[in-house]
Amino acid sequence: MNADFTLLEKVSGSMQAEIIRSLLESRDIGVMLSQESAGAIFGLGVGPMAEVDILVPQIQLDEARSILNEYYSGSLDVDE
């Protein structure tokens, strides 16, 4: 994947990040996750070191935001 990635969302914990990654990738959105290495090594789930940045290609940012808004609002159509 050769694209300029930009921050979509910052979440607490790798589990939430992986859920969002799976959702976006199922809609053909490229995703990269970035986390403080100490948080990943020690499996931290709370606090600043547990934060995970969810990055998407700049050209897919609007579409990814729309999907994420639907997910958070509970209006996501899972049959798409």
Protein backbone atom coordinates (compact mmCIF):
# COMPACT_ATOMS: atom_id res chain seq x y z
CA MET A 1 0.00 0.00 0.00
CA ASN A 2 1.66 3.19 -1.14
CA ALA A 3 -0.44 6.07 0.19
CA ASP A 4 -0.25 9.02 2.54
CA PHE A 5 -1.86 7.85 5.77
CA THR A 6 -3.59 10.23 8.14
CA LEU A 7 -5.11 9.93 11.62
CA LEU A 8 -8.75 8.86 11.62
CA GLU A 9 -9.27 8.11 15.30
CA LYS A 10 -7.42 7.55 18.56
CA VAL A 11 -8.87 4.74 20.71
CA SER A 12 -8.01 3.24 24.07
CA GLY A 13 -6.75 -0.30 23.75
CA SER A 14 -5.76 -2.61 20.95
CA MET A 15 -9.00 -4.60 21.11
CA GLN A 16 -11.12 -1.60 20.08
CA ALA A 17 -8.54 -0.71 17.43
CA GLU A 18 -8.69 -4.22 15.95
CA ILE A 19 -12.50 -4.13 15.83
CA ILE A 20 -12.39 -0.85 13.92
CA ARG A 21 -9.61 -2.12 11.67
CA SER A 22 -11.70 -5.19 10.78
CA LEU A 23 -14.74 -3.04 10.09
CA LEU A 24 -12.87 -0.66 7.81
CA GLU A 25 -10.95 -3.37 5.99
CA SER A 26 -14.22 -5.21 5.31
CA ARG A 27 -15.27 -2.04 3.44
CA ASP A 28 -11.99 -1.94 1.46
CA ILE A 29 -10.45 0.88 3.51
CA GLY A 30 -6.70 0.54 4.08
CA VAL A 31 -5.77 0.70 7.78
CA MET A 32 -2.58 1.01 9.80
CA LEU A 33 -2.46 0.92 13.59
CA SER A 34 0.18 2.72 15.62
CA GLN A 35 0.71 2.24 19.36
CA GLU A 36 3.35 3.12 21.93
CA SER A 37 5.57 0.03 22.04
CA ALA A 38 5.46 -0.24 25.84
CA GLY A 39 1.67 -0.37 25.74
CA ALA A 40 1.77 -3.20 23.23
CA ILE A 41 4.50 -5.14 25.05
CA PHE A 42 2.82 -4.96 28.45
CA GLY A 43 -0.73 -5.28 27.11
CA LEU A 44 -1.93 -2.05 28.69
CA GLY A 45 -5.63 -1.39 28.26
CA VAL A 46 -6.00 2.04 29.88
CA GLY A 47 -4.07 5.28 30.04
CA PRO A 48 -1.95 7.14 27.52
CA MET A 49 0.27 4.16 26.68
CA ALA A 50 -2.79 2.10 25.73
CA GLU A 51 -3.87 4.59 23.06
CA VAL A 52 -3.83 3.32 19.50
CA ASP A 53 -3.85 5.62 16.47
CA ILE A 54 -5.98 4.38 13.59
CA LEU A 55 -4.58 5.66 10.31
CA VAL A 56 -6.18 5.47 6.87
CA PRO A 57 -5.11 6.68 3.42
CA GLN A 58 -5.84 10.38 3.01
CA ILE A 59 -7.97 9.69 -0.08
CA GLN A 60 -10.22 7.34 1.95
CA LEU A 61 -10.52 9.54 5.04
CA ASP A 62 -14.03 10.87 4.36
CA GLU A 63 -15.40 7.41 3.62
CA ALA A 64 -13.72 5.97 6.74
CA ARG A 65 -15.16 8.78 8.90
CA SER A 66 -18.63 8.07 7.54
CA ILE A 67 -18.33 4.36 8.34
CA LEU A 68 -17.00 5.11 11.82
CA ASN A 69 -19.83 7.57 12.51
CA GLU A 70 -22.38 4.93 11.49
CA TYR A 71 -20.64 2.39 13.75
CA TYR A 72 -20.66 4.70 16.78
CA SER A 73 -24.28 5.79 16.21
CA GLY A 74 -25.51 2.21 15.88
CA SER A 75 -26.87 2.77 12.38
CA LEU A 76 -24.27 0.69 10.51
CA ASP A 77 -25.79 -1.61 7.90
CA VAL A 78 -23.91 -4.88 8.33
CA ASP A 79 -25.32 -6.34 5.11
CA GLU A 80 -23.42 -3.91 2.88
